[in-house]
Amino acid sequence: MTDKARDPRALNSVKGAAPATAQIQMRVDPDVKNRYVAQAQREGMKLSEWIQHHLDAVCQSADKAKLQDTKTSD
């Protein structure tokens, strides 16, 4: 073990998850970012947590749809 303090930036925004080491960067219009931040706050989340939550939901929905397509084509 090391006595080095863990870099808080390495913590995943989703509570209880493994430390995050990868980054995603994107550019948006400031008004769009402000809209995202405001919605994240309304949902009680930080922006990065809110983005991850919604991207995960889209992926899960796509996975379910793909599974259903596979089942109906059998």
Protein backbone atom coordinates (compact mmCIF):
# COMPACT_ATOMS: atom_id res chain seq x y z
CA MET A 1 0.00 0.00 0.00
CA THR A 2 1.02 3.57 -0.49
CA ASP A 3 0.66 6.55 1.81
CA LYS A 4 -0.11 8.71 -1.18
CA ALA A 5 -3.54 10.30 -1.04
CA ARG A 6 -5.90 9.26 -3.80
CA ASP A 7 -6.48 11.95 -6.40
CA PRO A 8 -10.17 12.90 -5.99
CA ARG A 9 -10.36 13.58 -9.74
CA ALA A 10 -9.87 9.84 -10.29
CA LEU A 11 -13.07 8.97 -8.45
CA ASN A 12 -15.99 7.98 -10.60
CA SER A 13 -18.93 10.36 -10.40
CA VAL A 14 -21.27 7.41 -9.89
CA LYS A 15 -21.15 6.49 -6.21
CA GLY A 16 -19.61 3.15 -5.32
CA ALA A 17 -18.08 2.54 -8.73
CA ALA A 18 -14.43 1.77 -9.39
CA PRO A 19 -12.07 4.73 -9.78
CA ALA A 20 -12.37 6.33 -13.19
CA THR A 21 -9.23 6.66 -15.27
CA ALA A 22 -10.60 7.56 -18.71
CA GLN A 23 -11.92 10.94 -19.80
CA ILE A 24 -14.49 12.12 -22.31
CA GLN A 25 -14.30 15.70 -23.49
CA MET A 26 -16.77 17.54 -25.68
CA ARG A 27 -17.40 21.09 -26.72
CA VAL A 28 -20.84 22.63 -26.51
CA ASP A 29 -22.30 26.10 -26.74
CA PRO A 30 -22.23 27.81 -23.30
CA ASP A 31 -26.04 28.03 -23.30
CA VAL A 32 -26.26 24.28 -23.84
CA LYS A 33 -23.85 23.63 -20.97
CA ASN A 34 -25.82 25.95 -18.71
CA ARG A 35 -28.98 24.03 -19.60
CA TYR A 36 -27.26 20.70 -18.75
CA VAL A 37 -25.92 22.07 -15.47
CA ALA A 38 -29.33 23.43 -14.48
CA GLN A 39 -31.04 20.12 -15.23
CA ALA A 40 -28.37 18.16 -13.35
CA GLN A 41 -28.91 20.41 -10.34
CA ARG A 42 -32.68 19.91 -10.55
CA GLU A 43 -32.02 16.15 -10.46
CA GLY A 44 -29.62 16.56 -7.52
CA MET A 45 -26.51 15.53 -9.44
CA LYS A 46 -23.20 16.98 -10.50
CA LEU A 47 -22.89 17.53 -14.24
CA SER A 48 -20.54 14.59 -14.84
CA GLU A 49 -22.77 12.28 -12.80
CA TRP A 50 -25.86 13.46 -14.73
CA ILE A 51 -24.18 12.94 -18.11
CA GLN A 52 -22.99 9.46 -17.15
CA HIS A 53 -26.42 8.53 -15.79
CA HIS A 54 -28.16 9.53 -19.02
CA LEU A 55 -25.59 7.97 -21.35
CA ASP A 56 -25.80 4.72 -19.37
CA ALA A 57 -29.61 4.80 -19.68
CA VAL A 58 -29.38 5.22 -23.46
CA CYS A 59 -26.96 2.27 -23.73
CA GLN A 60 -29.16 0.08 -21.53
CA SER A 61 -32.20 0.93 -23.62
CA ALA A 62 -30.31 0.10 -26.82
CA ASP A 63 -29.14 -3.21 -25.32
CA LYS A 64 -32.73 -4.14 -24.39
CA ALA A 65 -33.98 -3.23 -27.87
CA LYS A 66 -31.24 -5.33 -29.47
CA LEU A 67 -32.08 -8.27 -27.21
CA GLN A 68 -35.76 -7.97 -28.10
CA ASP A 69 -34.91 -7.85 -31.83
CA THR A 70 -32.84 -11.01 -31.41
CA LYS A 71 -35.68 -12.79 -29.60
CA THR A 72 -38.31 -11.82 -32.18
CA SER A 73 -36.15 -12.87 -35.14
CA ASP A 74 -35.73 -16.42 -33.78
